[in-house]
């Protein structure tokens, strides 16, 4: 079965990009949607690889033309997904992975309720702050206000977890990659309608442990770490 749409979201600094890059090495027939953005490239990012980097004027022209499946403004920059990407992936016999924020997830789910949504969370506020500071150093950005803003935004985004089908706490990379792979392959198995093989049963069992309904207690602990921490 092809044409499954997977949505992955995460607060900034949660390690989502690394997870997605690892996932794409292990799962065949899974295309990654390259979003459009008005922000400037970071580090070694290349146009057409991480994002399509365009001007604000170009982006707003695309909005007016109804060219986006979803779009949003985040930290003053536009991000959006072209409508054509899912159809093109399906024509090639592939599934599609969208890397979008909580605003975009709502827009897509309203239009495509069968999409599989996955929310990646940091294990705690302290760990997220550490990752944000390391990334800021690598990007040569030292504004304390930027880190604090991203932490505040992360708290608000995590509160949107009930909108998602699966929750993935990115604590140990190898384990997180295995769980993300299990979610993707488990959904393929579930939707195929065929009896699962032994490997497919293991994927289904692992994926089930990541269902939102099974993760409530752990999510509350993470949210509590934001409440208990002093301001950055």
N, C-alpha and C. Protein backbone atom coordinates (compact mmCIF):
# COMPACT_ATOMS: atom_id res chain seq x y z
N UNK A 1 0.85 -1.20 0.00
CA UNK A 1 0.00 0.00 0.00
C UNK A 1 0.89 1.24 0.00
N UNK A 2 0.60 2.16 -0.88
CA UNK A 2 1.36 3.40 -0.93
C UNK A 2 0.44 4.58 -0.69
N UNK A 3 1.04 5.73 -0.46
CA UNK A 3 0.25 6.93 -0.28
C UNK A 3 -0.08 7.25 1.16
N UNK A 4 0.54 6.55 2.13
CA UNK A 4 0.34 6.90 3.53
C UNK A 4 1.07 8.20 3.81
N UNK A 5 0.41 9.09 4.50
CA UNK A 5 1.01 10.38 4.85
C UNK A 5 1.38 10.36 6.33
N UNK A 6 2.67 10.53 6.61
CA UNK A 6 3.17 10.59 7.99
C UNK A 6 3.53 12.04 8.29
N UNK A 7 3.09 12.52 9.45
CA UNK A 7 3.42 13.87 9.91
C UNK A 7 4.31 13.73 11.14
N UNK A 8 5.43 14.42 11.14
CA UNK A 8 6.29 14.42 12.31
C UNK A 8 6.51 15.86 12.76
N UNK A 9 6.30 16.11 14.04
CA UNK A 9 6.46 17.45 14.61
C UNK A 9 7.29 17.34 15.88
N UNK A 10 7.87 18.47 16.28
CA UNK A 10 8.66 18.50 17.51
C UNK A 10 9.01 19.93 17.86
N UNK A 11 9.14 20.23 19.14
CA UNK A 11 9.69 21.54 19.52
C UNK A 11 11.11 21.69 18.99
N UNK A 12 11.50 22.90 18.69
CA UNK A 12 12.85 23.18 18.21
C UNK A 12 13.89 22.65 19.20
N UNK A 13 14.85 21.86 18.70
CA UNK A 13 15.90 21.32 19.55
C UNK A 13 15.64 19.92 20.06
N UNK A 14 14.55 19.29 19.63
CA UNK A 14 14.21 17.96 20.13
C UNK A 14 14.93 16.83 19.41
N UNK A 15 15.67 17.16 18.36
CA UNK A 15 16.41 16.13 17.64
C UNK A 15 15.64 15.49 16.50
N UNK A 16 14.58 16.12 16.08
CA UNK A 16 13.72 15.56 15.03
C UNK A 16 14.46 15.37 13.71
N UNK A 17 15.26 16.35 13.31
CA UNK A 17 15.96 16.26 12.03
C UNK A 17 16.89 15.06 11.98
N UNK A 18 17.60 14.82 13.07
CA UNK A 18 18.49 13.65 13.14
C UNK A 18 17.69 12.36 13.03
N UNK A 19 16.57 12.28 13.71
CA UNK A 19 15.72 11.09 13.65
C UNK A 19 15.22 10.84 12.23
N UNK A 20 14.77 11.90 11.58
CA UNK A 20 14.25 11.75 10.22
C UNK A 20 15.35 11.29 9.27
N UNK A 21 16.54 11.86 9.40
CA UNK A 21 17.65 11.45 8.54
C UNK A 21 18.00 9.98 8.74
N UNK A 22 17.97 9.53 9.98
CA UNK A 22 18.25 8.12 10.27
C UNK A 22 17.14 7.23 9.72
N UNK A 23 15.89 7.65 9.91
CA UNK A 23 14.75 6.86 9.44
C UNK A 23 14.83 6.63 7.93
N UNK A 24 15.18 7.65 7.20
CA UNK A 24 15.20 7.56 5.74
C UNK A 24 16.26 6.59 5.23
N UNK A 25 17.25 6.30 6.06
CA UNK A 25 18.27 5.32 5.67
C UNK A 25 17.76 3.88 5.78
N UNK A 26 16.77 3.67 6.67
CA UNK A 26 16.32 2.31 6.97
C UNK A 26 14.99 1.93 6.33
N UNK A 27 14.17 2.89 6.00
CA UNK A 27 12.82 2.59 5.51
C UNK A 27 12.74 2.91 4.02
N UNK A 28 12.49 1.91 3.18
CA UNK A 28 12.36 2.16 1.74
C UNK A 28 10.99 2.73 1.40
N UNK A 29 10.90 3.29 0.21
CA UNK A 29 9.63 3.81 -0.33
C UNK A 29 9.01 4.87 0.59
N UNK A 30 9.86 5.68 1.16
CA UNK A 30 9.39 6.77 2.01
C UNK A 30 10.05 8.05 1.54
N UNK A 31 9.26 8.94 0.99
CA UNK A 31 9.79 10.21 0.51
C UNK A 31 9.66 11.27 1.59
N UNK A 32 10.57 12.21 1.56
CA UNK A 32 10.56 13.32 2.51
C UNK A 32 10.15 14.59 1.78
N UNK A 33 9.13 15.23 2.29
CA UNK A 33 8.65 16.46 1.67
C UNK A 33 9.57 17.61 2.07
N UNK A 34 10.15 18.24 1.08
CA UNK A 34 11.00 19.41 1.32
C UNK A 34 10.11 20.65 1.35
N UNK A 35 10.00 21.25 2.52
CA UNK A 35 9.11 22.40 2.70
C UNK A 35 9.72 23.67 2.12
N UNK A 36 8.86 24.65 1.92
CA UNK A 36 9.29 25.98 1.52
C UNK A 36 9.41 26.84 2.77
N UNK A 37 10.39 27.72 2.81
CA UNK A 37 10.52 28.63 3.95
C UNK A 37 11.12 29.96 3.51
N UNK A 38 10.82 30.98 4.29
CA UNK A 38 11.39 32.31 4.03
C UNK A 38 12.60 32.59 4.92
N UNK A 39 12.94 31.65 5.82
CA UNK A 39 14.12 31.90 6.67
C UNK A 39 15.39 31.64 5.87
N UNK A 40 16.50 32.15 6.37
CA UNK A 40 17.78 31.97 5.70
C UNK A 40 18.37 30.60 6.06
N UNK A 41 19.18 30.03 5.19
CA UNK A 41 19.81 28.74 5.48
C UNK A 41 20.72 28.81 6.70
N UNK A 42 20.77 27.69 7.44
CA UNK A 42 21.65 27.58 8.60
C UNK A 42 22.79 26.62 8.29
N UNK A 43 23.99 26.98 8.73
CA UNK A 43 25.13 26.07 8.61
C UNK A 43 25.32 25.56 7.20
N UNK A 44 25.27 24.23 7.05
CA UNK A 44 25.51 23.59 5.75
C UNK A 44 24.24 23.31 4.97
N UNK A 45 23.11 23.87 5.40
CA UNK A 45 21.85 23.63 4.69
C UNK A 45 21.95 24.09 3.24
N UNK A 46 21.29 23.32 2.37
CA UNK A 46 21.31 23.63 0.95
C UNK A 46 19.89 23.76 0.42
N UNK A 47 19.71 24.69 -0.50
CA UNK A 47 18.39 24.88 -1.12
C UNK A 47 17.99 23.61 -1.85
N UNK A 48 16.75 23.15 -1.59
CA UNK A 48 16.25 21.95 -2.23
C UNK A 48 16.55 20.68 -1.48
N UNK A 49 17.40 20.76 -0.45
CA UNK A 49 17.70 19.57 0.36
C UNK A 49 16.95 19.63 1.68
N UNK A 50 17.31 20.57 2.55
CA UNK A 50 16.56 20.73 3.81
C UNK A 50 15.26 21.50 3.57
N UNK A 51 15.34 22.57 2.80
CA UNK A 51 14.19 23.41 2.48
C UNK A 51 14.36 24.00 1.09
N UNK A 52 13.24 24.49 0.55
CA UNK A 52 13.29 25.39 -0.59
C UNK A 52 13.28 26.80 0.01
N UNK A 53 14.38 27.50 -0.11
CA UNK A 53 14.50 28.83 0.48
C UNK A 53 14.03 29.88 -0.54
N UNK A 54 12.95 30.59 -0.19
CA UNK A 54 12.40 31.59 -1.09
C UNK A 54 12.14 32.89 -0.33
N UNK A 55 11.83 33.95 -1.05
CA UNK A 55 11.57 35.24 -0.42
C UNK A 55 10.15 35.27 0.15
N UNK A 56 9.93 36.23 1.02
CA UNK A 56 8.60 36.41 1.59
C UNK A 56 7.57 36.72 0.50
N UNK A 57 7.98 37.54 -0.46
CA UNK A 57 7.08 37.87 -1.55
C UNK A 57 6.69 36.65 -2.37
N UNK A 58 7.67 35.79 -2.65
CA UNK A 58 7.40 34.57 -3.40
C UNK A 58 6.46 33.65 -2.63
N UNK A 59 6.68 33.57 -1.32
CA UNK A 59 5.84 32.70 -0.49
C UNK A 59 4.40 33.21 -0.50
N UNK A 60 4.23 34.50 -0.32
CA UNK A 60 2.87 35.06 -0.27
C UNK A 60 2.16 34.94 -1.62
N UNK A 61 2.90 34.96 -2.71
CA UNK A 61 2.31 34.71 -4.03
C UNK A 61 1.79 33.27 -4.11
N UNK A 62 2.55 32.33 -3.53
CA UNK A 62 2.11 30.93 -3.51
C UNK A 62 0.87 30.76 -2.63
N UNK A 63 0.80 31.50 -1.52
CA UNK A 63 -0.40 31.45 -0.67
C UNK A 63 -1.61 31.90 -1.48
N UNK A 64 -1.47 33.02 -2.16
CA UNK A 64 -2.57 33.56 -2.95
C UNK A 64 -3.02 32.60 -4.04
N UNK A 65 -2.07 31.81 -4.55
CA UNK A 65 -2.40 30.84 -5.59
C UNK A 65 -2.92 29.52 -5.06
N UNK A 66 -3.06 29.39 -3.72
CA UNK A 66 -3.58 28.16 -3.13
C UNK A 66 -2.65 26.97 -3.32
N UNK A 67 -1.35 27.23 -3.33
CA UNK A 67 -0.38 26.17 -3.65
C UNK A 67 0.05 25.35 -2.44
N UNK A 68 -0.39 25.71 -1.22
CA UNK A 68 0.08 25.01 -0.03
C UNK A 68 -0.98 24.09 0.56
N UNK A 69 -0.52 22.89 0.93
CA UNK A 69 -1.36 21.98 1.72
C UNK A 69 -1.50 22.54 3.13
N UNK A 70 -0.44 23.13 3.62
CA UNK A 70 -0.44 23.80 4.92
C UNK A 70 0.68 24.82 4.91
N UNK A 71 0.51 25.85 5.74
CA UNK A 71 1.60 26.80 5.95
C UNK A 71 1.37 27.50 7.28
N UNK A 72 2.47 28.05 7.81
CA UNK A 72 2.38 28.74 9.10
C UNK A 72 3.55 29.70 9.22
N UNK A 73 3.41 30.64 10.16
CA UNK A 73 4.52 31.51 10.52
C UNK A 73 5.10 31.05 11.85
N UNK A 74 6.40 30.86 11.89
CA UNK A 74 7.10 30.42 13.09
C UNK A 74 8.31 31.33 13.30
N UNK A 75 8.38 31.97 14.45
CA UNK A 75 9.48 32.90 14.75
C UNK A 75 9.68 33.92 13.63
N UNK A 76 8.57 34.38 13.07
CA UNK A 76 8.63 35.45 12.07
C UNK A 76 8.90 35.01 10.65
N UNK A 77 9.04 33.68 10.42
CA UNK A 77 9.27 33.18 9.07
C UNK A 77 8.15 32.23 8.65
N UNK A 78 7.86 32.24 7.35
CA UNK A 78 6.87 31.32 6.80
C UNK A 78 7.50 29.94 6.55
N UNK A 79 6.67 28.90 6.76
CA UNK A 79 7.01 27.53 6.38
C UNK A 79 5.77 26.94 5.74
N UNK A 80 5.93 26.17 4.66
CA UNK A 80 4.77 25.60 4.01
C UNK A 80 5.08 24.36 3.20
N UNK A 81 4.04 23.54 2.97
CA UNK A 81 4.14 22.29 2.21
C UNK A 81 3.33 22.40 0.94
N UNK A 82 3.95 22.13 -0.18
CA UNK A 82 3.27 22.19 -1.47
C UNK A 82 2.20 21.10 -1.57
N UNK A 83 1.10 21.42 -2.21
CA UNK A 83 -0.01 20.46 -2.37
C UNK A 83 0.37 19.27 -3.25
N UNK A 84 1.33 19.44 -4.14
CA UNK A 84 1.60 18.41 -5.15
C UNK A 84 2.44 17.24 -4.62
N UNK A 85 3.08 17.41 -3.46
CA UNK A 85 4.08 16.42 -3.05
C UNK A 85 3.48 15.05 -2.75
N UNK A 86 2.30 15.00 -2.11
CA UNK A 86 1.70 13.71 -1.77
C UNK A 86 1.27 12.96 -3.02
N UNK A 87 0.64 13.66 -3.95
CA UNK A 87 0.20 13.03 -5.19
C UNK A 87 1.39 12.47 -5.97
N UNK A 88 2.48 13.22 -6.02
CA UNK A 88 3.66 12.76 -6.74
C UNK A 88 4.27 11.53 -6.09
N UNK A 89 4.32 11.52 -4.75
CA UNK A 89 4.86 10.37 -4.03
C UNK A 89 4.01 9.13 -4.29
N UNK A 90 2.70 9.29 -4.25
CA UNK A 90 1.79 8.16 -4.47
C UNK A 90 1.94 7.60 -5.87
N UNK A 91 2.10 8.48 -6.85
CA UNK A 91 2.30 8.05 -8.23
C UNK A 91 3.56 7.22 -8.38
N UNK A 92 4.56 7.50 -7.55
CA UNK A 92 5.81 6.74 -7.58
C UNK A 92 5.75 5.49 -6.70
N UNK A 93 4.61 5.24 -6.06
CA UNK A 93 4.45 4.07 -5.21
C UNK A 93 5.08 4.23 -3.84
N UNK A 94 5.18 5.46 -3.37
CA UNK A 94 5.83 5.74 -2.10
C UNK A 94 4.89 6.39 -1.10
N UNK A 95 5.28 6.31 0.18
CA UNK A 95 4.63 7.08 1.23
C UNK A 95 5.36 8.41 1.37
N UNK A 96 4.77 9.32 2.14
CA UNK A 96 5.35 10.65 2.28
C UNK A 96 5.46 11.04 3.75
N UNK A 97 6.60 11.63 4.10
CA UNK A 97 6.82 12.12 5.45
C UNK A 97 6.87 13.64 5.43
N UNK A 98 6.00 14.26 6.22
CA UNK A 98 5.98 15.72 6.35
C UNK A 98 6.60 16.12 7.68
N UNK A 99 7.56 17.01 7.65
CA UNK A 99 8.18 17.57 8.84
C UNK A 99 7.57 18.96 9.03
N UNK A 100 6.54 19.06 9.88
CA UNK A 100 5.82 20.33 10.04
C UNK A 100 5.53 20.58 11.52
N UNK A 101 5.17 21.83 11.83
CA UNK A 101 4.94 22.19 13.23
C UNK A 101 3.50 21.89 13.63
N UNK A 102 3.16 22.24 14.88
CA UNK A 102 1.84 21.90 15.42
C UNK A 102 0.72 22.62 14.68
N UNK A 103 0.98 23.82 14.16
CA UNK A 103 -0.03 24.52 13.38
C UNK A 103 -0.30 23.79 12.08
N UNK A 104 0.77 23.38 11.40
CA UNK A 104 0.61 22.66 10.15
C UNK A 104 -0.06 21.32 10.32
N UNK A 105 0.24 20.64 11.43
CA UNK A 105 -0.37 19.34 11.69
C UNK A 105 -1.88 19.44 11.75
N UNK A 106 -2.39 20.48 12.40
CA UNK A 106 -3.84 20.66 12.49
C UNK A 106 -4.44 20.90 11.11
N UNK A 107 -3.78 21.71 10.30
CA UNK A 107 -4.29 22.00 8.96
C UNK A 107 -4.37 20.74 8.12
N UNK A 108 -3.30 19.93 8.18
CA UNK A 108 -3.27 18.72 7.36
C UNK A 108 -4.26 17.68 7.87
N UNK A 109 -4.34 17.50 9.18
CA UNK A 109 -5.25 16.50 9.74
C UNK A 109 -6.71 16.82 9.43
N UNK A 110 -7.03 18.12 9.39
CA UNK A 110 -8.40 18.50 9.05
C UNK A 110 -8.73 18.11 7.61
N UNK A 111 -7.74 18.21 6.73
CA UNK A 111 -7.95 17.87 5.32
C UNK A 111 -7.77 16.37 5.07
N UNK A 112 -6.88 15.74 5.85
CA UNK A 112 -6.54 14.33 5.64
C UNK A 112 -6.50 13.60 6.98
N UNK A 113 -7.68 13.27 7.52
CA UNK A 113 -7.73 12.66 8.86
C UNK A 113 -7.06 11.29 8.96
N UNK A 114 -6.79 10.64 7.83
CA UNK A 114 -6.11 9.34 7.86
C UNK A 114 -4.61 9.47 8.00
N UNK A 115 -4.08 10.68 7.96
CA UNK A 115 -2.64 10.87 8.12
C UNK A 115 -2.20 10.38 9.50
N UNK A 116 -0.98 9.88 9.58
CA UNK A 116 -0.42 9.37 10.84
C UNK A 116 0.46 10.47 11.43
N UNK A 117 0.11 10.95 12.62
CA UNK A 117 0.86 12.06 13.21
C UNK A 117 1.71 11.59 14.39
N UNK A 118 2.96 12.03 14.39
CA UNK A 118 3.96 11.61 15.39
C UNK A 118 4.57 12.86 16.02
N UNK A 119 4.55 12.93 17.34
CA UNK A 119 5.09 14.08 18.05
C UNK A 119 6.35 13.65 18.79
N UNK A 120 7.47 14.28 18.46
CA UNK A 120 8.75 13.98 19.11
C UNK A 120 8.97 14.97 20.25
N UNK A 121 9.27 14.46 21.43
CA UNK A 121 9.46 15.31 22.61
C UNK A 121 10.86 15.13 23.19
N UNK A 122 11.40 16.18 23.78
CA UNK A 122 12.64 16.02 24.55
C UNK A 122 12.30 15.33 25.87
N UNK A 123 13.29 14.68 26.51
CA UNK A 123 13.00 14.01 27.78
C UNK A 123 12.70 14.96 28.93
N UNK A 124 13.16 16.22 28.83
CA UNK A 124 12.92 17.19 29.89
C UNK A 124 13.27 18.58 29.38
N UNK A 125 12.83 19.59 30.14
CA UNK A 125 13.18 20.97 29.81
C UNK A 125 14.69 21.18 29.90
N UNK A 126 15.32 20.59 30.91
CA UNK A 126 16.75 20.75 31.10
C UNK A 126 17.53 20.23 29.89
N UNK A 127 17.13 19.05 29.42
CA UNK A 127 17.81 18.47 28.25
C UNK A 127 17.56 19.31 27.00
N UNK A 128 16.34 19.81 26.86
CA UNK A 128 16.04 20.64 25.69
C UNK A 128 16.88 21.92 25.72
N UNK A 129 16.99 22.54 26.88
CA UNK A 129 17.79 23.75 26.98
C UNK A 129 19.24 23.46 26.62
N UNK A 130 19.78 22.34 27.07
CA UNK A 130 21.16 21.97 26.75
C UNK A 130 21.34 21.81 25.24
N UNK A 131 20.39 21.16 24.59
CA UNK A 131 20.48 20.96 23.14
C UNK A 131 20.38 22.29 22.40
N UNK A 132 19.50 23.17 22.87
CA UNK A 132 19.35 24.47 22.22
C UNK A 132 20.62 25.30 22.35
N UNK A 133 21.26 25.23 23.50
CA UNK A 133 22.50 25.99 23.69
C UNK A 133 23.61 25.45 22.80
N UNK A 134 23.70 24.14 22.68
CA UNK A 134 24.73 23.55 21.81
C UNK A 134 24.48 23.96 20.35
N UNK A 135 23.22 23.93 19.95
CA UNK A 135 22.92 24.31 18.57
C UNK A 135 23.19 25.78 18.33
N UNK A 136 22.89 26.61 19.32
CA UNK A 136 23.15 28.04 19.18
C UNK A 136 24.63 28.31 19.01
N UNK A 137 25.46 27.58 19.74
CA UNK A 137 26.91 27.73 19.60
C UNK A 137 27.38 27.32 18.21
N UNK A 138 26.82 26.20 17.70
CA UNK A 138 27.22 25.74 16.38
C UNK A 138 26.79 26.71 15.28
N UNK A 139 25.70 27.44 15.54
CA UNK A 139 25.20 28.43 14.57
C UNK A 139 25.77 29.82 14.83
N UNK A 140 26.63 29.91 15.87
CA UNK A 140 27.24 31.19 16.26
C UNK A 140 26.17 32.21 16.66
N UNK A 141 25.14 31.71 17.36
CA UNK A 141 24.07 32.57 17.87
C UNK A 141 24.13 32.51 19.39
N UNK A 142 24.27 33.66 20.03
CA UNK A 142 24.46 33.66 21.48
C UNK A 142 23.38 34.47 22.21
N UNK A 143 22.27 34.73 21.54
CA UNK A 143 21.21 35.55 22.14
C UNK A 143 20.43 34.72 23.16
N UNK A 144 20.51 35.11 24.42
CA UNK A 144 19.78 34.42 25.48
C UNK A 144 18.27 34.51 25.24
N UNK A 145 17.85 35.62 24.69
CA UNK A 145 16.42 35.81 24.41
C UNK A 145 15.90 34.76 23.44
N UNK A 146 16.72 34.38 22.46
CA UNK A 146 16.31 33.38 21.47
C UNK A 146 16.09 32.03 22.13
N UNK A 147 16.99 31.63 23.01
CA UNK A 147 16.85 30.34 23.70
C UNK A 147 15.61 30.35 24.59
N UNK A 148 15.42 31.44 25.33
CA UNK A 148 14.26 31.52 26.21
C UNK A 148 12.95 31.47 25.42
N UNK A 149 12.94 32.15 24.28
CA UNK A 149 11.74 32.16 23.45
C UNK A 149 11.42 30.76 22.94
N UNK A 150 12.46 30.04 22.55
CA UNK A 150 12.25 28.68 22.04
C UNK A 150 11.79 27.74 23.14
N UNK A 151 12.28 27.94 24.36
CA UNK A 151 11.81 27.12 25.49
C UNK A 151 10.34 27.42 25.80
N UNK A 152 9.98 28.68 25.78
CA UNK A 152 8.58 29.05 26.02
C UNK A 152 7.67 28.48 24.94
N UNK A 153 8.15 28.56 23.70
CA UNK A 153 7.36 28.02 22.59
C UNK A 153 7.23 26.50 22.71
N UNK A 154 8.29 25.84 23.13
CA UNK A 154 8.26 24.38 23.30
C UNK A 154 7.20 23.97 24.30
N UNK A 155 7.11 24.72 25.40
CA UNK A 155 6.10 24.41 26.42
C UNK A 155 4.69 24.48 25.82
N UNK A 156 4.44 25.51 25.04
CA UNK A 156 3.11 25.66 24.42
C UNK A 156 2.86 24.56 23.38
N UNK A 157 3.90 24.20 22.65
CA UNK A 157 3.73 23.16 21.62
C UNK A 157 3.47 21.80 22.26
N UNK A 158 4.18 21.49 23.33
CA UNK A 158 3.99 20.19 23.98
C UNK A 158 2.56 20.03 24.50
N UNK A 159 1.95 21.13 24.87
CA UNK A 159 0.56 21.07 25.32
C UNK A 159 -0.38 20.62 24.21
N UNK A 160 0.06 20.64 22.96
CA UNK A 160 -0.76 20.21 21.83
C UNK A 160 -0.66 18.70 21.58
N UNK A 161 0.00 17.98 22.47
CA UNK A 161 0.22 16.54 22.25
C UNK A 161 -1.07 15.76 22.03
N UNK A 162 -2.24 16.15 22.62
CA UNK A 162 -3.45 15.35 22.39
C UNK A 162 -3.86 15.27 20.91
N UNK A 163 -3.34 16.16 20.07
CA UNK A 163 -3.70 16.14 18.65
C UNK A 163 -3.00 15.02 17.89
N UNK A 164 -2.01 14.38 18.50
CA UNK A 164 -1.16 13.43 17.77
C UNK A 164 -1.53 11.98 18.07
N UNK A 165 -1.21 11.11 17.11
CA UNK A 165 -1.50 9.68 17.26
C UNK A 165 -0.42 8.98 18.08
N UNK A 166 0.83 9.35 17.83
CA UNK A 166 1.95 8.70 18.51
C UNK A 166 2.83 9.76 19.18
N UNK A 167 3.43 9.37 20.32
CA UNK A 167 4.37 10.22 21.04
C UNK A 167 5.70 9.49 21.13
N UNK A 168 6.77 10.18 20.75
CA UNK A 168 8.10 9.59 20.77
C UNK A 168 9.02 10.49 21.60
N UNK A 169 9.47 10.00 22.74
CA UNK A 169 10.38 10.76 23.59
C UNK A 169 11.81 10.45 23.16
N UNK A 170 12.48 11.46 22.65
CA UNK A 170 13.81 11.28 22.07
C UNK A 170 14.87 11.44 23.14
N UNK A 171 15.11 10.34 23.84
CA UNK A 171 16.11 10.33 24.91
C UNK A 171 17.40 9.70 24.39
N UNK A 172 17.32 8.44 23.97
CA UNK A 172 18.47 7.74 23.39
C UNK A 172 18.22 7.56 21.90
N UNK A 173 19.15 8.04 21.09
CA UNK A 173 18.94 8.12 19.65
C UNK A 173 18.62 6.77 19.02
N UNK A 174 19.42 5.76 19.31
CA UNK A 174 19.23 4.45 18.66
C UNK A 174 17.85 3.89 18.96
N UNK A 175 17.44 3.98 20.22
CA UNK A 175 16.12 3.50 20.62
C UNK A 175 15.02 4.31 19.94
N UNK A 176 15.21 5.62 19.86
CA UNK A 176 14.20 6.48 19.25
C UNK A 176 14.05 6.18 17.76
N UNK A 177 15.16 5.94 17.08
CA UNK A 177 15.11 5.58 15.66
C UNK A 177 14.36 4.26 15.47
N UNK A 178 14.64 3.29 16.34
CA UNK A 178 13.95 2.00 16.26
C UNK A 178 12.44 2.18 16.44
N UNK A 179 12.05 3.02 17.37
CA UNK A 179 10.63 3.23 17.62
C UNK A 179 9.95 3.97 16.47
N UNK A 180 10.66 4.94 15.93
CA UNK A 180 10.10 5.68 14.79
C UNK A 180 9.93 4.75 13.59
N UNK A 181 10.90 3.91 13.35
CA UNK A 181 10.81 2.93 12.27
C UNK A 181 9.64 1.98 12.52
N UNK A 182 9.46 1.57 13.75
CA UNK A 182 8.36 0.64 14.07
C UNK A 182 7.00 1.30 13.82
N UNK A 183 6.88 2.59 14.13
CA UNK A 183 5.62 3.29 13.89
C UNK A 183 5.30 3.31 12.40
N UNK A 184 6.29 3.68 11.59
CA UNK A 184 6.09 3.78 10.14
C UNK A 184 5.76 2.41 9.54
N UNK A 185 6.57 1.42 9.86
CA UNK A 185 6.36 0.09 9.28
C UNK A 185 5.14 -0.60 9.89
N UNK A 186 4.86 -0.30 11.15
CA UNK A 186 3.67 -0.86 11.78
C UNK A 186 2.39 -0.36 11.13
N UNK A 187 2.36 0.93 10.79
CA UNK A 187 1.19 1.48 10.12
C UNK A 187 1.02 0.89 8.72
N UNK A 188 2.13 0.66 8.04
CA UNK A 188 2.05 0.00 6.73
C UNK A 188 1.43 -1.39 6.88
N UNK A 189 1.89 -2.11 7.87
CA UNK A 189 1.38 -3.46 8.10
C UNK A 189 -0.10 -3.43 8.45
N UNK A 190 -0.47 -2.54 9.35
CA UNK A 190 -1.85 -2.46 9.81
C UNK A 190 -2.80 -2.13 8.67
N UNK A 191 -2.37 -1.25 7.78
CA UNK A 191 -3.24 -0.82 6.69
C UNK A 191 -3.22 -1.75 5.49
N UNK A 192 -2.26 -2.66 5.45
CA UNK A 192 -2.18 -3.60 4.32
C UNK A 192 -3.30 -4.63 4.34
N UNK A 193 -3.81 -4.94 5.55
CA UNK A 193 -4.88 -5.93 5.67
C UNK A 193 -4.39 -7.36 5.59
N UNK A 194 -3.07 -7.55 5.51
CA UNK A 194 -2.49 -8.89 5.39
C UNK A 194 -2.02 -9.38 6.77
N UNK A 195 -2.01 -10.69 6.98
CA UNK A 195 -1.49 -11.21 8.25
C UNK A 195 -0.04 -10.79 8.42
N UNK A 196 0.33 -10.28 9.59
CA UNK A 196 1.71 -9.80 9.79
C UNK A 196 2.70 -10.94 9.95
N UNK A 197 3.90 -10.71 9.44
CA UNK A 197 5.00 -11.66 9.66
C UNK A 197 5.50 -11.48 11.09
N UNK A 198 6.48 -12.30 11.49
CA UNK A 198 7.04 -12.19 12.84
C UNK A 198 7.67 -10.82 13.05
N UNK A 199 8.42 -10.34 12.06
CA UNK A 199 9.03 -9.01 12.18
C UNK A 199 7.97 -7.93 12.25
N UNK A 200 6.95 -8.06 11.44
CA UNK A 200 5.88 -7.06 11.42
C UNK A 200 5.10 -7.04 12.74
N UNK A 201 4.97 -8.18 13.37
CA UNK A 201 4.32 -8.22 14.69
C UNK A 201 5.14 -7.44 15.71
N UNK A 202 6.46 -7.55 15.61
CA UNK A 202 7.32 -6.80 16.55
C UNK A 202 7.18 -5.29 16.31
N UNK A 203 7.09 -4.90 15.04
CA UNK A 203 6.88 -3.48 14.74
C UNK A 203 5.56 -3.00 15.34
N UNK A 204 4.52 -3.79 15.17
CA UNK A 204 3.21 -3.41 15.69
C UNK A 204 3.23 -3.30 17.21
N UNK A 205 3.90 -4.22 17.88
CA UNK A 205 3.98 -4.19 19.34
C UNK A 205 4.75 -2.97 19.83
N UNK A 206 5.85 -2.65 19.16
CA UNK A 206 6.64 -1.48 19.55
C UNK A 206 5.86 -0.20 19.29
N UNK A 207 5.20 -0.13 18.14
CA UNK A 207 4.42 1.06 17.80
C UNK A 207 3.30 1.29 18.80
N UNK A 208 2.66 0.20 19.23
CA UNK A 208 1.55 0.33 20.17
C UNK A 208 1.99 0.98 21.47
N UNK A 209 3.21 0.72 21.90
CA UNK A 209 3.72 1.31 23.13
C UNK A 209 3.88 2.83 23.02
N UNK A 210 3.95 3.33 21.78
CA UNK A 210 4.12 4.76 21.55
C UNK A 210 2.81 5.49 21.29
N UNK A 211 1.70 4.77 21.32
CA UNK A 211 0.42 5.43 21.14
C UNK A 211 0.22 6.48 22.22
N UNK A 212 -0.41 7.57 21.85
CA UNK A 212 -0.63 8.67 22.80
C UNK A 212 -1.26 8.18 24.09
N UNK A 213 -2.24 7.28 23.98
CA UNK A 213 -2.95 6.80 25.17
C UNK A 213 -2.04 6.06 26.14
N UNK A 214 -0.91 5.52 25.62
CA UNK A 214 0.02 4.78 26.47
C UNK A 214 1.12 5.67 27.05
N UNK A 215 1.18 6.92 26.59
CA UNK A 215 2.29 7.80 26.95
C UNK A 215 1.89 8.95 27.87
N UNK A 216 0.65 8.98 28.31
CA UNK A 216 0.13 10.11 29.09
C UNK A 216 0.98 10.42 30.32
N UNK A 217 1.35 9.41 31.08
CA UNK A 217 2.09 9.65 32.33
C UNK A 217 3.45 10.27 32.05
N UNK A 218 4.14 9.76 31.03
CA UNK A 218 5.47 10.29 30.71
C UNK A 218 5.38 11.72 30.19
N UNK A 219 4.35 12.01 29.43
CA UNK A 219 4.17 13.37 28.92
C UNK A 219 3.94 14.35 30.07
N UNK A 220 3.17 13.95 31.04
CA UNK A 220 2.90 14.83 32.19
C UNK A 220 4.19 15.14 32.96
N UNK A 221 5.08 14.16 33.04
CA UNK A 221 6.36 14.40 33.72
C UNK A 221 7.17 15.44 32.95
N UNK A 222 7.18 15.33 31.62
CA UNK A 222 7.92 16.29 30.80
C UNK A 222 7.32 17.68 30.95
N UNK A 223 6.02 17.79 30.88
CA UNK A 223 5.36 19.09 31.06
C UNK A 223 5.66 19.65 32.45
N UNK A 224 5.69 18.77 33.44
CA UNK A 224 5.99 19.21 34.80
C UNK A 224 7.39 19.76 34.92
N UNK A 225 8.33 19.25 34.12
CA UNK A 225 9.71 19.75 34.18
C UNK A 225 9.79 21.20 33.70
N UNK A 226 8.87 21.61 32.84
CA UNK A 226 8.82 23.00 32.39
C UNK A 226 8.26 23.88 33.51
N UNK A 227 7.27 23.36 34.22
CA UNK A 227 6.67 24.13 35.31
C UNK A 227 7.62 24.29 36.49
N UNK A 228 8.42 23.25 36.73
CA UNK A 228 9.28 23.24 37.91
C UNK A 228 10.59 23.98 37.73
N UNK A 229 10.97 24.24 36.47
CA UNK A 229 12.27 24.85 36.21
C UNK A 229 12.20 26.35 36.38
N UNK A 230 13.29 26.91 36.85
CA UNK A 230 13.38 28.36 36.93
C UNK A 230 13.61 28.92 35.54
N UNK A 231 13.31 30.19 35.28
CA UNK A 231 13.51 30.75 33.96
C UNK A 231 14.94 30.62 33.50
N UNK A 232 15.07 30.42 32.18
CA UNK A 232 16.42 30.27 31.62
C UNK A 232 17.19 31.55 31.71
